[in-house]
Amino acid sequence: MGAVVRVAENLNAALAALLAREPDLYVLGEDVADPYGGAFKITRGLSTGFPDRVLSTPISENAVTGIAAGLALSGDLAIVEIMFGDFAALAFDQLLNFASKSVSMYGSRLPMRMVVRCPVGGGRGYGPTHSQSLQKHFVGIPNLAVYELSPFHDNLAVFEEMFARAEPCVFFEDKVLYTRPMGVVEPPFSVAVSGGVARVSIDGPPDCVVIAPGGVAHRTLAAMRSLLVGDEIACTLLVPSRLYPFDLPDDADADIRAARRVFVVEESTAGGTWGAEVAHVVHRRHWGRLAQPVTLIHSAGGVIPTAAHLERAALVNESTIHSAIREALRG
């Protein structure tokens, strides 16, 4: 049996491989250089191997994102690490008004190969300003793609896809994933990845399809297991790597046609969400076949508390997902 590879190790190896392959790639961020190696140690060892291209920056998310956009506009590649994704809000102006627009506002399409990495999400007791999931605020911007870290997608391939788009990308990384193993799914479920979407399922047609990004995949899987054992409800989970622009692969279309019931799980609060974008795509393609409208499952509204018991109650979890699906299917 091979050694278990954690998500953080896979991500670190992907960055190292890219730096070795791409001599024009820069990795920028607060305290990303050794010996600290970033707040979550994702960049550990990289500045030792590539001291001129892995650079710690001042605490200014706006400035470092602007530098990355300038590098990309000059033909280089750039990866920015925002220490806590909550502060990507400070880089929003650079992404909205400079980086994404630079792709097309100079008369011909220009490649803007840059990725802004954003550790996000709760579950670690970091409180209201270091635990948010801001994905929904970056959905719908022309020439800005949104991706999310997943335990089922190899990160080198994900970075290659993002750079191949030649437009700015924001890569959200749920912090709780860093210590989890890559690609592990316990029986009776199995996982297969195709077309950028991981499909976790059991044999036979599902009773429903659940679409969820990587950060909530393990909570959704726990709910799927309890639904299967306790209520004999079989779910198929789809985990896309790219959140926006969102599209359904052919396999997902087949699952939805069979199940006729679709749920979307995300950690953000309700209102103007990625899940609403997914529902729009599903409704447009399958409205006449669905038994009911797509059901969206979110965290509770309001700030994310620091106290562990209050944080657990606020964030979407196994129980939240189980209850929503069971109520919709069994009443």
Protein backbone atom coordinates (compact mmCIF):
# COMPACT_ATOMS: atom_id res chain seq x y z
CA MET A 1 0.00 0.00 0.00
CA GLY A 2 1.42 3.41 -0.96
CA ALA A 3 1.97 6.22 1.52
CA VAL A 4 -0.99 8.50 2.20
CA VAL A 5 -0.60 11.87 0.50
CA ARG A 6 -2.28 14.78 2.25
CA VAL A 7 -3.96 17.56 0.30
CA ALA A 8 -1.38 20.10 1.53
CA GLU A 9 1.46 17.85 0.33
CA ASN A 10 -0.15 17.44 -3.07
CA LEU A 11 -0.60 21.19 -3.33
CA ASN A 12 3.01 21.88 -2.29
CA ALA A 13 4.30 19.32 -4.81
CA ALA A 14 2.21 20.92 -7.56
CA LEU A 15 3.71 24.35 -6.86
CA ALA A 16 7.23 22.89 -6.81
CA ALA A 17 6.67 21.12 -10.12
CA LEU A 18 5.33 24.30 -11.72
CA LEU A 19 8.26 26.38 -10.47
CA ALA A 20 10.70 23.81 -11.88
CA ARG A 21 8.93 23.72 -15.22
CA GLU A 22 8.07 27.39 -15.71
CA PRO A 23 11.10 29.73 -15.37
CA ASP A 24 8.79 32.77 -15.59
CA LEU A 25 6.54 31.73 -12.69
CA TYR A 26 6.54 33.77 -9.47
CA VAL A 27 4.92 32.81 -6.16
CA LEU A 28 4.08 35.82 -4.01
CA GLY A 29 2.43 36.29 -0.63
CA GLU A 30 2.76 37.22 2.99
CA ASP A 31 5.36 35.07 4.74
CA VAL A 32 5.44 32.46 1.97
CA ALA A 33 9.25 32.23 2.12
CA ASP A 34 11.13 29.81 4.38
CA PRO A 35 11.45 29.14 7.19
CA TYR A 36 7.78 30.07 7.77
CA GLY A 37 6.50 28.68 4.45
CA GLY A 38 3.08 30.31 4.69
CA ALA A 39 0.45 30.22 7.42
CA PHE A 40 -0.60 26.71 6.39
CA LYS A 41 2.88 25.58 5.19
CA ILE A 42 1.74 25.14 1.61
CA THR A 43 4.84 26.95 0.29
CA ARG A 44 7.29 25.29 2.69
CA GLY A 45 10.65 24.64 1.00
CA LEU A 46 9.81 26.47 -2.22
CA SER A 47 11.83 29.63 -1.55
CA THR A 48 14.84 27.48 -0.68
CA GLY A 49 14.65 25.85 -4.09
CA PHE A 50 13.62 28.97 -5.99
CA PRO A 51 14.86 31.95 -3.94
CA ASP A 52 14.46 34.54 -6.71
CA ARG A 53 10.87 33.58 -7.56
CA VAL A 54 9.19 32.72 -4.25
CA LEU A 55 8.95 36.03 -2.48
CA SER A 56 7.41 37.22 0.77
CA THR A 57 5.55 40.51 0.41
CA PRO A 58 4.29 43.26 2.70
CA ILE A 59 0.82 42.85 4.22
CA SER A 60 -1.14 44.36 1.35
CA GLU A 61 -3.44 41.99 -0.55
CA ASN A 62 -4.28 44.78 -2.98
CA ALA A 63 -0.62 45.49 -3.78
CA VAL A 64 0.53 41.88 -4.16
CA THR A 65 -2.42 41.06 -6.43
CA GLY A 66 -1.65 44.14 -8.50
CA ILE A 67 2.00 43.06 -8.81
CA ALA A 68 0.87 39.62 -9.95
CA ALA A 69 -1.44 41.16 -12.54
CA GLY A 70 1.43 43.32 -13.79
CA LEU A 71 3.65 40.25 -14.11
CA ALA A 72 0.91 38.42 -16.00
CA LEU A 73 0.34 41.40 -18.29
CA SER A 74 4.08 41.32 -19.08
CA GLY A 75 3.94 37.68 -20.09
CA ASP A 76 5.05 36.04 -16.84
CA LEU A 77 3.04 33.64 -14.68
CA ALA A 78 2.09 34.49 -11.11
CA ILE A 79 0.55 32.76 -8.13
CA VAL A 80 -0.54 34.82 -5.12
CA GLU A 81 -1.24 33.37 -1.71
CA ILE A 82 -3.72 35.40 0.32
CA MET A 83 -2.97 34.33 3.90
CA PHE A 84 -6.67 34.18 4.81
CA GLY A 85 -9.13 34.31 1.93
CA ASP A 86 -11.35 36.72 3.86
CA PHE A 87 -8.88 39.43 2.85
CA ALA A 88 -9.28 38.72 -0.85
CA ALA A 89 -11.89 41.45 -0.48
CA LEU A 90 -8.95 43.87 -0.32
CA ALA A 91 -7.71 42.52 -3.67
CA PHE A 92 -11.14 42.65 -5.29
CA ASP A 93 -10.48 45.96 -7.04
CA GLN A 94 -7.33 44.57 -8.72
CA LEU A 95 -9.20 41.45 -9.85
CA LEU A 96 -12.38 43.19 -11.02
CA ASN A 97 -11.05 46.42 -12.47
CA PHE A 98 -7.57 45.51 -13.65
CA ALA A 99 -6.74 41.81 -14.03
CA SER A 100 -10.00 40.49 -15.50
CA LYS A 101 -10.54 43.51 -17.74
CA SER A 102 -6.95 43.41 -19.02
CA VAL A 103 -7.79 40.19 -20.85
CA SER A 104 -9.91 42.01 -23.40
CA MET A 105 -9.85 45.81 -23.01
CA TYR A 106 -6.74 46.56 -25.08
CA GLY A 107 -8.23 45.72 -28.47
CA SER A 108 -7.10 42.11 -28.66
CA ARG A 109 -7.21 39.28 -26.16
CA LEU A 110 -4.16 39.23 -23.88
CA PRO A 111 -3.13 36.21 -21.83
CA MET A 112 -3.33 36.91 -18.08
CA ARG A 113 -1.90 33.81 -16.46
CA MET A 114 -2.30 34.38 -12.75
CA VAL A 115 -3.89 32.49 -9.87
CA VAL A 116 -4.92 33.95 -6.53
CA ARG A 117 -5.00 31.24 -3.86
CA CYS A 118 -7.44 31.87 -1.02
CA PRO A 119 -7.56 29.64 2.10
CA VAL A 120 -11.16 29.91 3.29
CA GLY A 121 -13.82 28.27 5.42
CA GLY A 122 -14.59 27.62 9.05
CA GLY A 123 -14.19 24.66 11.34
CA ARG A 124 -10.96 25.79 12.96
CA GLY A 125 -12.20 28.36 15.47
CA TYR A 126 -10.74 31.36 13.69
CA GLY A 127 -13.85 33.48 14.17
CA PRO A 128 -15.90 35.91 12.06
CA THR A 129 -13.12 37.53 10.01
CA HIS A 130 -10.91 34.49 9.26
CA SER A 131 -13.48 31.77 8.49
CA GLN A 132 -15.68 33.00 5.67
CA SER A 133 -16.33 31.38 2.29
CA LEU A 134 -16.39 34.25 -0.21
CA GLN A 135 -16.75 32.28 -3.43
CA LYS A 136 -20.13 33.80 -4.31
CA HIS A 137 -18.66 37.29 -4.47
CA PHE A 138 -16.34 36.27 -7.35
CA VAL A 139 -18.92 34.43 -9.47
CA GLY A 140 -20.14 36.09 -12.66
CA ILE A 141 -17.19 38.37 -13.47
CA PRO A 142 -16.24 38.14 -17.18
CA ASN A 143 -12.73 36.74 -17.73
CA LEU A 144 -12.37 35.66 -14.09
CA ALA A 145 -12.60 31.92 -13.41
CA VAL A 146 -13.29 30.45 -9.97
CA TYR A 147 -11.92 27.09 -8.86
CA GLU A 148 -12.01 25.22 -5.53
CA LEU A 149 -9.55 22.81 -3.95
CA SER A 150 -10.77 19.23 -3.76
CA PRO A 151 -9.40 16.02 -2.25
CA PHE A 152 -10.25 14.28 -5.53
CA HIS A 153 -8.46 16.52 -8.04
CA ASP A 154 -4.69 16.47 -8.51
CA ASN A 155 -3.53 20.03 -7.98
CA LEU A 156 -0.85 20.01 -10.67
CA ALA A 157 -3.51 19.26 -13.27
CA VAL A 158 -5.79 21.92 -11.79
CA PHE A 159 -3.04 24.58 -11.98
CA GLU A 160 -2.24 23.53 -15.54
CA GLU A 161 -5.89 23.97 -16.46
CA MET A 162 -6.08 27.38 -14.79
CA PHE A 163 -2.97 28.69 -16.57
CA ALA A 164 -4.17 27.23 -19.88
CA ARG A 165 -7.27 29.45 -19.61
CA ALA A 166 -4.93 32.47 -19.92
CA GLU A 167 -7.22 34.53 -17.68
CA PRO A 168 -7.11 35.35 -13.96
CA CYS A 169 -8.30 32.58 -11.69
CA VAL A 170 -9.22 32.59 -8.01
CA PHE A 171 -8.52 29.26 -6.31
CA PHE A 172 -10.44 28.79 -3.06
CA GLU A 173 -8.94 26.28 -0.65
CA ASP A 174 -11.02 25.14 2.33
CA LYS A 175 -8.54 25.02 5.20
CA VAL A 176 -10.01 21.85 6.69
CA LEU A 177 -8.89 19.95 3.60
CA TYR A 178 -5.16 20.53 4.04
CA THR A 179 -4.66 17.64 6.45
CA ARG A 180 -7.04 15.25 4.71
CA PRO A 181 -5.79 12.41 2.47
CA MET A 182 -6.07 12.73 -1.29
CA GLY A 183 -8.63 10.64 -3.15
CA VAL A 184 -9.84 8.46 -0.28
CA VAL A 185 -13.47 7.27 -0.28
CA GLU A 186 -14.69 4.50 2.00
CA PRO A 187 -16.84 1.64 0.59
CA PRO A 188 -19.56 1.19 -0.54
CA PHE A 189 -18.82 4.47 -2.31
CA SER A 190 -16.27 4.79 -5.09
CA VAL A 191 -14.88 7.82 -6.90
CA ALA A 192 -14.04 8.53 -10.53
CA VAL A 193 -12.86 11.81 -12.02
CA SER A 194 -13.80 12.84 -15.54
CA GLY A 195 -14.02 16.19 -17.27
CA GLY A 196 -12.94 18.08 -14.16
CA VAL A 197 -15.73 16.61 -12.03
CA ALA A 198 -15.31 13.94 -9.36
CA ARG A 199 -18.26 11.54 -9.17
CA VAL A 200 -18.75 9.65 -5.88
CA SER A 201 -21.43 6.99 -6.07
CA ILE A 202 -22.61 3.46 -5.35
CA ASP A 203 -23.73 0.91 -7.91
CA GLY A 204 -27.20 1.47 -9.31
CA PRO A 205 -29.29 4.55 -10.11
CA PRO A 206 -29.32 7.29 -7.45
CA ASP A 207 -32.37 8.72 -5.69
CA CYS A 208 -30.81 12.17 -5.89
CA VAL A 209 -27.73 14.05 -7.11
CA VAL A 210 -25.78 16.31 -4.76
CA ILE A 211 -23.45 18.91 -6.24
CA ALA A 212 -20.88 20.27 -3.81
CA PRO A 213 -17.44 21.89 -4.01
CA GLY A 214 -14.39 20.24 -2.45
CA GLY A 215 -14.58 22.01 0.89
CA VAL A 216 -17.89 20.42 1.87
CA ALA A 217 -17.42 17.11 0.06
CA HIS A 218 -16.51 15.14 3.19
CA ARG A 219 -19.52 16.50 5.11
CA THR A 220 -21.77 15.62 2.18
CA LEU A 221 -20.27 12.12 2.03
CA ALA A 222 -20.97 11.60 5.73
CA ALA A 223 -24.60 12.62 5.14
CA MET A 224 -24.82 10.31 2.13
CA ARG A 225 -23.63 7.41 4.26
CA SER A 226 -26.19 8.05 7.01
CA LEU A 227 -28.96 8.50 4.44
CA LEU A 228 -28.03 5.20 2.81
CA VAL A 229 -27.85 3.27 6.08
CA GLY A 230 -30.75 4.88 7.91
CA ASP A 231 -33.19 5.81 5.17
CA GLU A 232 -32.14 3.73 2.14
CA ILE A 233 -31.64 6.89 0.12
CA ALA A 234 -28.88 6.55 -2.47
CA CYS A 235 -27.10 9.77 -3.48
CA THR A 236 -24.52 10.51 -6.14
CA LEU A 237 -22.09 13.32 -5.29
CA LEU A 238 -20.58 15.53 -7.99
CA VAL A 239 -17.55 17.64 -7.00
CA PRO A 240 -16.50 20.11 -9.71
CA SER A 241 -13.03 21.61 -9.69
CA ARG A 242 -14.12 24.70 -11.60
CA LEU A 243 -17.01 26.52 -9.97
CA TYR A 244 -17.34 29.30 -12.55
CA PRO A 245 -17.99 29.24 -15.45
CA PHE A 246 -20.02 26.22 -14.35
CA ASP A 247 -21.04 23.45 -16.70
CA LEU A 248 -22.41 19.94 -16.33
CA PRO A 249 -20.50 17.06 -17.92
CA ASP A 250 -22.43 14.43 -19.84
CA ASP A 251 -22.18 11.95 -16.96
CA ALA A 252 -23.85 14.46 -14.64
CA ASP A 253 -26.67 14.96 -17.11
CA ALA A 254 -27.30 11.21 -17.07
CA ASP A 255 -27.35 11.13 -13.26
CA ILE A 256 -29.81 14.03 -13.10
CA ARG A 257 -32.09 12.44 -15.67
CA ALA A 258 -32.15 9.26 -13.56
CA ALA A 259 -32.58 10.88 -10.14
CA ARG A 260 -34.76 13.91 -11.04
CA ARG A 261 -33.83 15.50 -7.70
CA VAL A 262 -30.79 17.78 -7.26
CA PHE A 263 -29.27 19.42 -4.19
CA VAL A 264 -26.41 21.92 -4.01
CA VAL A 265 -24.35 22.21 -0.83
CA GLU A 266 -22.00 25.10 -0.07
CA GLU A 267 -20.55 26.64 3.07
CA SER A 268 -21.43 30.23 2.29
CA THR A 269 -24.57 31.93 3.57
CA ALA A 270 -27.65 32.04 1.36
CA GLY A 271 -28.31 34.75 -1.22
CA GLY A 272 -26.64 35.38 -4.58
CA THR A 273 -24.63 32.19 -4.29
CA TRP A 274 -22.67 29.78 -6.47
CA GLY A 275 -25.43 27.29 -5.73
CA ALA A 276 -27.96 29.63 -7.33
CA GLU A 277 -25.76 29.70 -10.46
CA VAL A 278 -25.67 25.88 -10.48
CA ALA A 279 -29.45 25.74 -10.03
CA HIS A 280 -29.86 28.09 -12.99
CA VAL A 281 -27.76 25.79 -15.19
CA VAL A 282 -29.62 22.66 -14.03
CA HIS A 283 -33.05 24.26 -14.39
CA ARG A 284 -32.26 25.52 -17.89
CA ARG A 285 -31.17 22.07 -19.01
CA HIS A 286 -33.47 19.73 -17.04
CA TRP A 287 -36.51 21.74 -15.89
CA GLY A 288 -39.03 19.47 -17.58
CA ARG A 289 -37.48 16.35 -16.08
CA LEU A 290 -37.02 17.42 -12.45
CA ALA A 291 -39.42 16.18 -9.77
CA GLN A 292 -38.83 19.39 -7.80
CA PRO A 293 -36.71 22.56 -8.09
CA VAL A 294 -33.05 22.33 -7.12
CA THR A 295 -32.66 22.58 -3.34
CA LEU A 296 -29.88 24.83 -2.00
CA ILE A 297 -28.23 23.97 1.34
CA HIS A 298 -26.13 26.66 3.07
CA SER A 299 -24.66 27.68 6.39
CA ALA A 300 -26.81 29.77 8.74
CA GLY A 301 -26.93 33.50 8.10
CA GLY A 302 -24.80 35.79 10.25
CA VAL A 303 -21.19 35.84 11.37
CA ILE A 304 -19.22 32.66 12.10
CA PRO A 305 -18.64 32.38 15.87
CA THR A 306 -15.25 31.50 17.35
CA ALA A 307 -16.58 29.19 20.08
CA ALA A 308 -16.47 25.63 18.76
CA HIS A 309 -20.06 24.65 19.68
CA LEU A 310 -21.48 27.83 18.18
CA GLU A 311 -19.34 27.52 15.05
CA ARG A 312 -20.57 23.93 14.52
CA ALA A 313 -24.16 25.13 14.77
CA ALA A 314 -23.60 27.93 12.25
CA LEU A 315 -21.78 26.02 9.50
CA VAL A 316 -23.39 23.60 7.11
CA ASN A 317 -22.68 20.08 8.39
CA GLU A 318 -23.60 16.41 8.01
CA SER A 319 -26.81 16.84 9.97
CA THR A 320 -27.91 19.90 7.98
CA ILE A 321 -27.39 18.06 4.70
CA HIS A 322 -29.01 14.83 5.90
CA SER A 323 -32.11 16.65 7.16
CA ALA A 324 -32.56 18.71 3.99
CA ILE A 325 -32.31 15.71 1.69
CA ARG A 326 -34.44 13.42 3.87
CA GLU A 327 -37.18 16.03 4.21
CA ALA A 328 -37.26 16.65 0.46
CA LEU A 329 -37.40 12.95 -0.43
CA ARG A 330 -39.37 11.44 2.47
CA GLY A 331 -41.25 14.41 3.89
